[in-house]
C-alpha cells in the first residue's frame, strides 16, 4: 500500500492522529530548521524556534484550511516566530550586533552535501570567502528585506508565496528584493557581478523563476 499523500496526512493529523503529524514533521523539518537558522543565525536559537514552530503548528492545525500550501503555512509560522525573536533581541539593552553565519559554522550539516566538491583548493577558498561576504552583507539589510532575500534565494520560493507567507503584497516583496539586491551590489561591488551571480558562484541554490 502506498504511503498517504500530504493532504491525507493533514486530515489525519487534524483528526488527532499523532503519527500522521510526526510524518508531516519529518517531511518539512529540514526546511523549518534551515530557514530558522538563516534568519536568527545561531543554531541554539534556531533549534528553539524549530521546536516552538512545530508545537504551534500542532496546536493550530485545526485552523489550516488549505488556502496556501502546508509548507507555506508552516514557514509563515517559522518566519513570524523568527521576526518576533529578532524584535525582542533588538529591544534588549544589552543586545549585541548580529554575527554573520556563513553556513560553514553552526548548522552547516543542515545543507545537503555537495555532489561535486571542488578539487581546486583555491576555488574552494574563494567560494567560502564569497559566502562569508554575502552573509556579512546580509546583516546590513533591514529585517524584512533580509527575510525576503533568504526565502527567495535560499528557499527558492516564488514571489507570490513569499507575499502570502509575510502577509503582504507581491509588489512589496518585489520592492524588498530590489532593495536587497541593490544593497548587495553596493556591499560586494569589489567582487564583480550581480548578487544572484555571486550566489550561484558561492554554491547557493539559484532562485526559482517568478
C-alpha atoms as a PDB file:
ATOM      1  CA  UNK A   1       0.000   0.000   0.000  1.00  0.00           C
ATOM      2  CA  UNK A   2       1.489   3.390  -0.965  1.00  0.00           C
ATOM      3  CA  UNK A   3       2.082   5.886   1.846  1.00  0.00           C
ATOM      4  CA  UNK A   4      -0.651   8.506   2.318  1.00  0.00           C
ATOM      5  CA  UNK A   5      -0.191  11.786   0.485  1.00  0.00           C
ATOM      6  CA  UNK A   6       0.261  15.086   2.311  1.00  0.00           C
ATOM      7  CA  UNK A   7      -3.424  16.069   2.108  1.00  0.00           C
ATOM      8  CA  UNK A   8      -4.410  12.758   3.713  1.00  0.00           C
ATOM      9  CA  UNK A   9      -1.757  13.168   6.398  1.00  0.00           C
ATOM     10  CA  UNK A  10      -3.061  16.649   7.199  1.00  0.00           C
ATOM     11  CA  UNK A  11      -6.631  15.360   7.517  1.00  0.00           C
ATOM     12  CA  UNK A  12      -5.492  12.529   9.770  1.00  0.00           C
ATOM     13  CA  UNK A  13      -3.406  14.877  11.908  1.00  0.00           C
ATOM     14  CA  UNK A  14      -6.329  17.279  12.243  1.00  0.00           C
ATOM     15  CA  UNK A  15      -8.398  14.351  13.490  1.00  0.00           C
ATOM     16  CA  UNK A  16      -5.822  13.735  16.226  1.00  0.00           C
ATOM     17  CA  UNK A  17      -3.527  11.179  14.583  1.00  0.00           C
ATOM     18  CA  UNK A  18      -0.125  11.886  16.179  1.00  0.00           C
ATOM     19  CA  UNK A  19       1.706   9.510  13.827  1.00  0.00           C
ATOM     20  CA  UNK A  20       0.396  11.446  10.818  1.00  0.00           C
ATOM     21  CA  UNK A  21       1.612  14.712  12.311  1.00  0.00           C
ATOM     22  CA  UNK A  22       5.027  13.188  13.034  1.00  0.00           C
ATOM     23  CA  UNK A  23       5.223  12.167   9.371  1.00  0.00           C
ATOM     24  CA  UNK A  24       4.470  15.765   8.361  1.00  0.00           C
ATOM     25  CA  UNK A  25       7.230  16.922  10.699  1.00  0.00           C
ATOM     26  CA  UNK A  26       9.715  14.580   9.010  1.00  0.00           C
ATOM     27  CA  UNK A  27       8.650  15.877   5.594  1.00  0.00           C
ATOM     28  CA  UNK A  28       9.326  19.516   6.495  1.00  0.00           C
ATOM     29  CA  UNK A  29      11.764  19.547   9.410  1.00  0.00           C
ATOM     30  CA  UNK A  30      14.859  20.368   7.335  1.00  0.00           C
ATOM     31  CA  UNK A  31      13.160  23.343   5.666  1.00  0.00           C
ATOM     32  CA  UNK A  32      11.954  24.669   9.018  1.00  0.00           C
ATOM     33  CA  UNK A  33      15.328  24.350  10.734  1.00  0.00           C
ATOM     34  CA  UNK A  34      17.246  25.715   7.740  1.00  0.00           C
ATOM     35  CA  UNK A  35      15.016  28.788   7.464  1.00  0.00           C
ATOM     36  CA  UNK A  36      15.176  29.472  11.201  1.00  0.00           C
ATOM     37  CA  UNK A  37      18.954  29.208  11.118  1.00  0.00           C
ATOM     38  CA  UNK A  38      19.258  31.569   8.156  1.00  0.00           C
ATOM     39  CA  UNK A  39      17.129  34.214   9.874  1.00  0.00           C
ATOM     40  CA  UNK A  40      18.300  34.073  13.504  1.00  0.00           C
ATOM     41  CA  UNK A  41      21.825  32.873  12.643  1.00  0.00           C
ATOM     42  CA  UNK A  42      22.648  30.805  15.734  1.00  0.00           C
ATOM     43  CA  UNK A  43      21.978  27.091  15.964  1.00  0.00           C
ATOM     44  CA  UNK A  44      20.696  27.088  19.548  1.00  0.00           C
ATOM     45  CA  UNK A  45      18.133  29.803  18.805  1.00  0.00           C
ATOM     46  CA  UNK A  46      17.171  28.142  15.520  1.00  0.00           C
ATOM     47  CA  UNK A  47      16.542  24.821  17.266  1.00  0.00           C
ATOM     48  CA  UNK A  48      14.411  26.541  19.907  1.00  0.00           C
ATOM     49  CA  UNK A  49      12.331  28.159  17.157  1.00  0.00           C
ATOM     50  CA  UNK A  50      12.157  24.816  15.322  1.00  0.00           C
ATOM     51  CA  UNK A  51      10.628  23.190  18.400  1.00  0.00           C
ATOM     52  CA  UNK A  52       8.276  26.093  19.027  1.00  0.00           C
ATOM     53  CA  UNK A  53       7.193  26.154  15.370  1.00  0.00           C
ATOM     54  CA  UNK A  54       6.059  22.541  15.304  1.00  0.00           C
ATOM     55  CA  UNK A  55       4.401  22.880  18.708  1.00  0.00           C
ATOM     56  CA  UNK A  56       2.465  25.902  17.452  1.00  0.00           C
ATOM     57  CA  UNK A  57       1.660  24.119  14.184  1.00  0.00           C
ATOM     58  CA  UNK A  58       0.267  21.143  16.103  1.00  0.00           C
ATOM     59  CA  UNK A  59      -1.877  23.362  18.311  1.00  0.00           C
ATOM     60  CA  UNK A  60      -3.091  25.405  15.318  1.00  0.00           C
ATOM     61  CA  UNK A  61      -3.585  22.542  12.884  1.00  0.00           C
ATOM     62  CA  UNK A  62      -7.345  22.823  13.094  1.00  0.00           C
ATOM     63  CA  UNK A  63      -7.076  26.336  11.646  1.00  0.00           C
ATOM     64  CA  UNK A  64      -5.322  25.131   8.478  1.00  0.00           C
ATOM     65  CA  UNK A  65      -7.808  25.417   5.620  1.00  0.00           C
ATOM     66  CA  UNK A  66      -5.590  24.833   2.601  1.00  0.00           C
ATOM     67  CA  UNK A  67      -5.741  28.421   1.341  1.00  0.00           C
ATOM     68  CA  UNK A  68      -1.971  28.151   0.907  1.00  0.00           C
ATOM     69  CA  UNK A  69       0.204  25.059   0.785  1.00  0.00           C
ATOM     70  CA  UNK A  70       1.005  23.366   4.088  1.00  0.00           C
ATOM     71  CA  UNK A  71       4.685  24.257   3.582  1.00  0.00           C
ATOM     72  CA  UNK A  72       3.850  27.951   3.118  1.00  0.00           C
ATOM     73  CA  UNK A  73       1.574  27.863   6.180  1.00  0.00           C
ATOM     74  CA  UNK A  74       4.301  26.204   8.228  1.00  0.00           C
ATOM     75  CA  UNK A  75       7.042  28.572   7.035  1.00  0.00           C
ATOM     76  CA  UNK A  76       4.773  31.504   7.894  1.00  0.00           C
ATOM     77  CA  UNK A  77       4.725  30.246  11.488  1.00  0.00           C
ATOM     78  CA  UNK A  78       8.525  29.894  11.480  1.00  0.00           C
ATOM     79  CA  UNK A  79       9.074  33.336   9.972  1.00  0.00           C
ATOM     80  CA  UNK A  80       6.696  35.003  12.440  1.00  0.00           C
ATOM     81  CA  UNK A  81       8.474  33.380  15.384  1.00  0.00           C
ATOM     82  CA  UNK A  82      11.876  34.390  13.988  1.00  0.00           C
ATOM     83  CA  UNK A  83      10.802  38.006  13.477  1.00  0.00           C
ATOM     84  CA  UNK A  84       9.348  38.143  16.993  1.00  0.00           C
ATOM     85  CA  UNK A  85      12.628  36.746  18.303  1.00  0.00           C
ATOM     86  CA  UNK A  86      14.677  39.355  16.420  1.00  0.00           C
ATOM     87  CA  UNK A  87      12.444  42.193  17.665  1.00  0.00           C
ATOM     88  CA  UNK A  88      12.788  41.043  21.274  1.00  0.00           C
ATOM     89  CA  UNK A  89      16.545  40.638  20.877  1.00  0.00           C
ATOM     90  CA  UNK A  90      16.922  44.113  19.346  1.00  0.00           C
ATOM     91  CA  UNK A  91      14.894  45.664  22.184  1.00  0.00           C
ATOM     92  CA  UNK A  92      17.192  44.283  24.877  1.00  0.00           C
ATOM     93  CA  UNK A  93      19.519  46.966  26.271  1.00  0.00           C
ATOM     94  CA  UNK A  94      22.434  44.528  26.173  1.00  0.00           C
ATOM     95  CA  UNK A  95      21.760  43.444  22.576  1.00  0.00           C
ATOM     96  CA  UNK A  96      24.901  42.623  20.621  1.00  0.00           C
ATOM     97  CA  UNK A  97      25.366  43.055  16.858  1.00  0.00           C
ATOM     98  CA  UNK A  98      24.276  40.053  14.814  1.00  0.00           C
ATOM     99  CA  UNK A  99      27.247  37.938  13.814  1.00  0.00           C
ATOM    100  CA  UNK A 100      27.088  36.681  10.234  1.00  0.00           C
ATOM    101  CA  UNK A 101      26.839  32.938   9.647  1.00  0.00           C
ATOM    102  CA  UNK A 102      28.426  31.563   6.503  1.00  0.00           C
ATOM    103  CA  UNK A 103      26.870  28.123   6.577  1.00  0.00           C
ATOM    104  CA  UNK A 104      30.311  26.672   7.248  1.00  0.00           C
ATOM    105  CA  UNK A 105      29.828  27.075  11.006  1.00  0.00           C
ATOM    106  CA  UNK A 106      26.809  26.163  13.159  1.00  0.00           C
ATOM    107  CA  UNK A 107      24.181  24.309  11.187  1.00  0.00           C
ATOM    108  CA  UNK A 108      26.397  23.534   8.207  1.00  0.00           C
ATOM    109  CA  UNK A 109      25.204  19.936   8.413  1.00  0.00           C
ATOM    110  CA  UNK A 110      21.673  21.103   7.610  1.00  0.00           C
ATOM    111  CA  UNK A 111      22.616  21.677   3.992  1.00  0.00           C
ATOM    112  CA  UNK A 112      22.705  18.774   1.545  1.00  0.00           C
ATOM    113  CA  UNK A 113      26.236  17.642   0.697  1.00  0.00           C
ATOM    114  CA  UNK A 114      27.780  18.957  -2.477  1.00  0.00           C
ATOM    115  CA  UNK A 115      27.740  16.159  -5.031  1.00  0.00           C
ATOM    116  CA  UNK A 116      30.616  17.797  -6.913  1.00  0.00           C
ATOM    117  CA  UNK A 117      33.064  19.149  -4.344  1.00  0.00           C
ATOM    118  CA  UNK A 118      35.798  21.409  -5.612  1.00  0.00           C
ATOM    119  CA  UNK A 119      39.051  19.645  -6.374  1.00  0.00           C
ATOM    120  CA  UNK A 120      40.791  23.010  -6.564  1.00  0.00           C
ATOM    121  CA  UNK A 121      41.611  24.250  -3.020  1.00  0.00           C
ATOM    122  CA  UNK A 122      41.968  27.821  -4.291  1.00  0.00           C
ATOM    123  CA  UNK A 123      38.485  27.752  -5.788  1.00  0.00           C
ATOM    124  CA  UNK A 124      37.041  26.228  -2.610  1.00  0.00           C
ATOM    125  CA  UNK A 125      38.647  29.011  -0.572  1.00  0.00           C
ATOM    126  CA  UNK A 126      37.196  31.622  -2.926  1.00  0.00           C
ATOM    127  CA  UNK A 127      33.715  30.132  -2.570  1.00  0.00           C
ATOM    128  CA  UNK A 128      33.994  30.222   1.220  1.00  0.00           C
ATOM    129  CA  UNK A 129      35.079  33.853   1.118  1.00  0.00           C
ATOM    130  CA  UNK A 130      32.162  34.795  -1.139  1.00  0.00           C
ATOM    131  CA  UNK A 131      29.740  33.029   1.230  1.00  0.00           C
ATOM    132  CA  UNK A 132      31.260  34.894   4.167  1.00  0.00           C
ATOM    133  CA  UNK A 133      30.967  38.227   2.359  1.00  0.00           C
ATOM    134  CA  UNK A 134      27.347  37.580   1.370  1.00  0.00           C
ATOM    135  CA  UNK A 135      26.447  36.578   4.948  1.00  0.00           C
ATOM    136  CA  UNK A 136      28.135  39.700   6.333  1.00  0.00           C
ATOM    137  CA  UNK A 137      26.408  41.925   3.753  1.00  0.00           C
ATOM    138  CA  UNK A 138      23.001  40.440   4.604  1.00  0.00           C
ATOM    139  CA  UNK A 139      23.331  41.663   8.197  1.00  0.00           C
ATOM    140  CA  UNK A 140      23.221  45.217   6.824  1.00  0.00           C
ATOM    141  CA  UNK A 141      19.726  44.721   5.428  1.00  0.00           C
ATOM    142  CA  UNK A 142      16.508  45.572   7.192  1.00  0.00           C
ATOM    143  CA  UNK A 143      14.784  42.554   8.699  1.00  0.00           C
ATOM    144  CA  UNK A 144      12.061  42.288   6.052  1.00  0.00           C
ATOM    145  CA  UNK A 145      14.490  42.723   3.148  1.00  0.00           C
ATOM    146  CA  UNK A 146      16.764  40.028   4.571  1.00  0.00           C
ATOM    147  CA  UNK A 147      13.887  37.596   5.122  1.00  0.00           C
ATOM    148  CA  UNK A 148      12.611  38.152   1.572  1.00  0.00           C
ATOM    149  CA  UNK A 149      16.110  37.606   0.197  1.00  0.00           C
ATOM    150  CA  UNK A 150      16.580  34.419   2.224  1.00  0.00           C
ATOM    151  CA  UNK A 151      13.206  32.995   1.139  1.00  0.00           C
ATOM    152  CA  UNK A 152      13.793  33.847  -2.491  1.00  0.00           C
ATOM    153  CA  UNK A 153      17.397  32.785  -2.948  1.00  0.00           C
ATOM    154  CA  UNK A 154      17.890  30.065  -0.345  1.00  0.00           C
ATOM    155  CA  UNK A 155      14.411  28.543  -0.119  1.00  0.00           C
ATOM    156  CA  UNK A 156      13.763  29.027  -3.859  1.00  0.00           C
ATOM    157  CA  UNK A 157      10.275  30.420  -3.230  1.00  0.00           C
ATOM    158  CA  UNK A 158       8.329  32.393  -5.816  1.00  0.00           C
ATOM    159  CA  UNK A 159       7.268  35.944  -5.075  1.00  0.00           C
ATOM    160  CA  UNK A 160       3.565  35.225  -4.563  1.00  0.00           C
ATOM    161  CA  UNK A 161       4.119  32.558  -1.849  1.00  0.00           C
ATOM    162  CA  UNK A 162       6.590  34.891  -0.129  1.00  0.00           C
ATOM    163  CA  UNK A 163       3.949  37.626  -0.119  1.00  0.00           C
ATOM    164  CA  UNK A 164       1.385  35.183   1.270  1.00  0.00           C
ATOM    165  CA  UNK A 165       3.844  33.990   3.895  1.00  0.00           C
ATOM    166  CA  UNK A 166       4.641  37.525   5.085  1.00  0.00           C
ATOM    167  CA  UNK A 167       1.048  38.728   4.840  1.00  0.00           C
ATOM    168  CA  UNK A 168       1.906  41.466   2.342  1.00  0.00           C
ATOM    169  CA  UNK A 169       1.623  42.228  -1.373  1.00  0.00           C
ATOM    170  CA  UNK A 170       3.720  40.900  -4.213  1.00  0.00           C
ATOM    171  CA  UNK A 171       4.720  44.473  -5.099  1.00  0.00           C
ATOM    172  CA  UNK A 172       6.073  44.950  -1.570  1.00  0.00           C
ATOM    173  CA  UNK A 173       8.079  41.737  -1.897  1.00  0.00           C
ATOM    174  CA  UNK A 174       9.484  42.930  -5.229  1.00  0.00           C
ATOM    175  CA  UNK A 175      10.486  46.221  -3.614  1.00  0.00           C
ATOM    176  CA  UNK A 176      12.189  44.410  -0.710  1.00  0.00           C
ATOM    177  CA  UNK A 177      14.037  42.137  -3.104  1.00  0.00           C
ATOM    178  CA  UNK A 178      15.137  45.099  -5.252  1.00  0.00           C
ATOM    179  CA  UNK A 179      16.485  46.902  -2.183  1.00  0.00           C
ATOM    180  CA  UNK A 180      18.292  43.750  -1.042  1.00  0.00           C
ATOM    181  CA  UNK A 181      19.935  43.321  -4.441  1.00  0.00           C
ATOM    182  CA  UNK A 182      20.932  46.977  -4.537  1.00  0.00           C
ATOM    183  CA  UNK A 183      22.481  46.677  -1.085  1.00  0.00           C
ATOM    184  CA  UNK A 184      24.434  43.546  -2.016  1.00  0.00           C
ATOM    185  CA  UNK A 185      25.663  45.076  -5.271  1.00  0.00           C
ATOM    186  CA  UNK A 186      26.961  48.026  -3.284  1.00  0.00           C
ATOM    187  CA  UNK A 187      28.475  45.930  -0.493  1.00  0.00           C
ATOM    188  CA  UNK A 188      30.018  43.347  -2.807  1.00  0.00           C
ATOM    189  CA  UNK A 189      30.874  45.553  -5.771  1.00  0.00           C
ATOM    190  CA  UNK A 190      34.586  44.845  -5.438  1.00  0.00           C
ATOM    191  CA  UNK A 191      33.926  41.158  -6.169  1.00  0.00           C
ATOM    192  CA  UNK A 192      32.318  41.973  -9.509  1.00  0.00           C
ATOM    193  CA  UNK A 193      28.982  40.708 -10.870  1.00  0.00           C
ATOM    194  CA  UNK A 194      25.445  40.975  -9.524  1.00  0.00           C
ATOM    195  CA  UNK A 195      24.319  39.395  -6.258  1.00  0.00           C
ATOM    196  CA  UNK A 196      22.482  36.429  -7.867  1.00  0.00           C
ATOM    197  CA  UNK A 197      25.583  35.589  -9.859  1.00  0.00           C
ATOM    198  CA  UNK A 198      27.648  35.655  -6.693  1.00  0.00           C
ATOM    199  CA  UNK A 199      25.140  33.380  -5.022  1.00  0.00           C
ATOM    200  CA  UNK A 200      25.499  30.832  -7.795  1.00  0.00           C
ATOM    201  CA  UNK A 201      29.279  31.013  -7.659  1.00  0.00           C
ATOM    202  CA  UNK A 202      29.197  30.528  -3.900  1.00  0.00           C
ATOM    203  CA  UNK A 203      27.221  27.302  -4.199  1.00  0.00           C
ATOM    204  CA  UNK A 204      23.846  28.669  -3.080  1.00  0.00           C
ATOM    205  CA  UNK A 205      20.821  27.365  -4.996  1.00  0.00           C
ATOM    206  CA  UNK A 206      19.616  29.504  -7.860  1.00  0.00           C
ATOM    207  CA  UNK A 207      16.246  31.180  -7.206  1.00  0.00           C
ATOM    208  CA  UNK A 208      13.092  29.829  -8.755  1.00  0.00           C
ATOM    209  CA  UNK A 209      11.510  31.680 -11.643  1.00  0.00           C
ATOM    210  CA  UNK A 210       8.832  34.242 -10.828  1.00  0.00           C
END
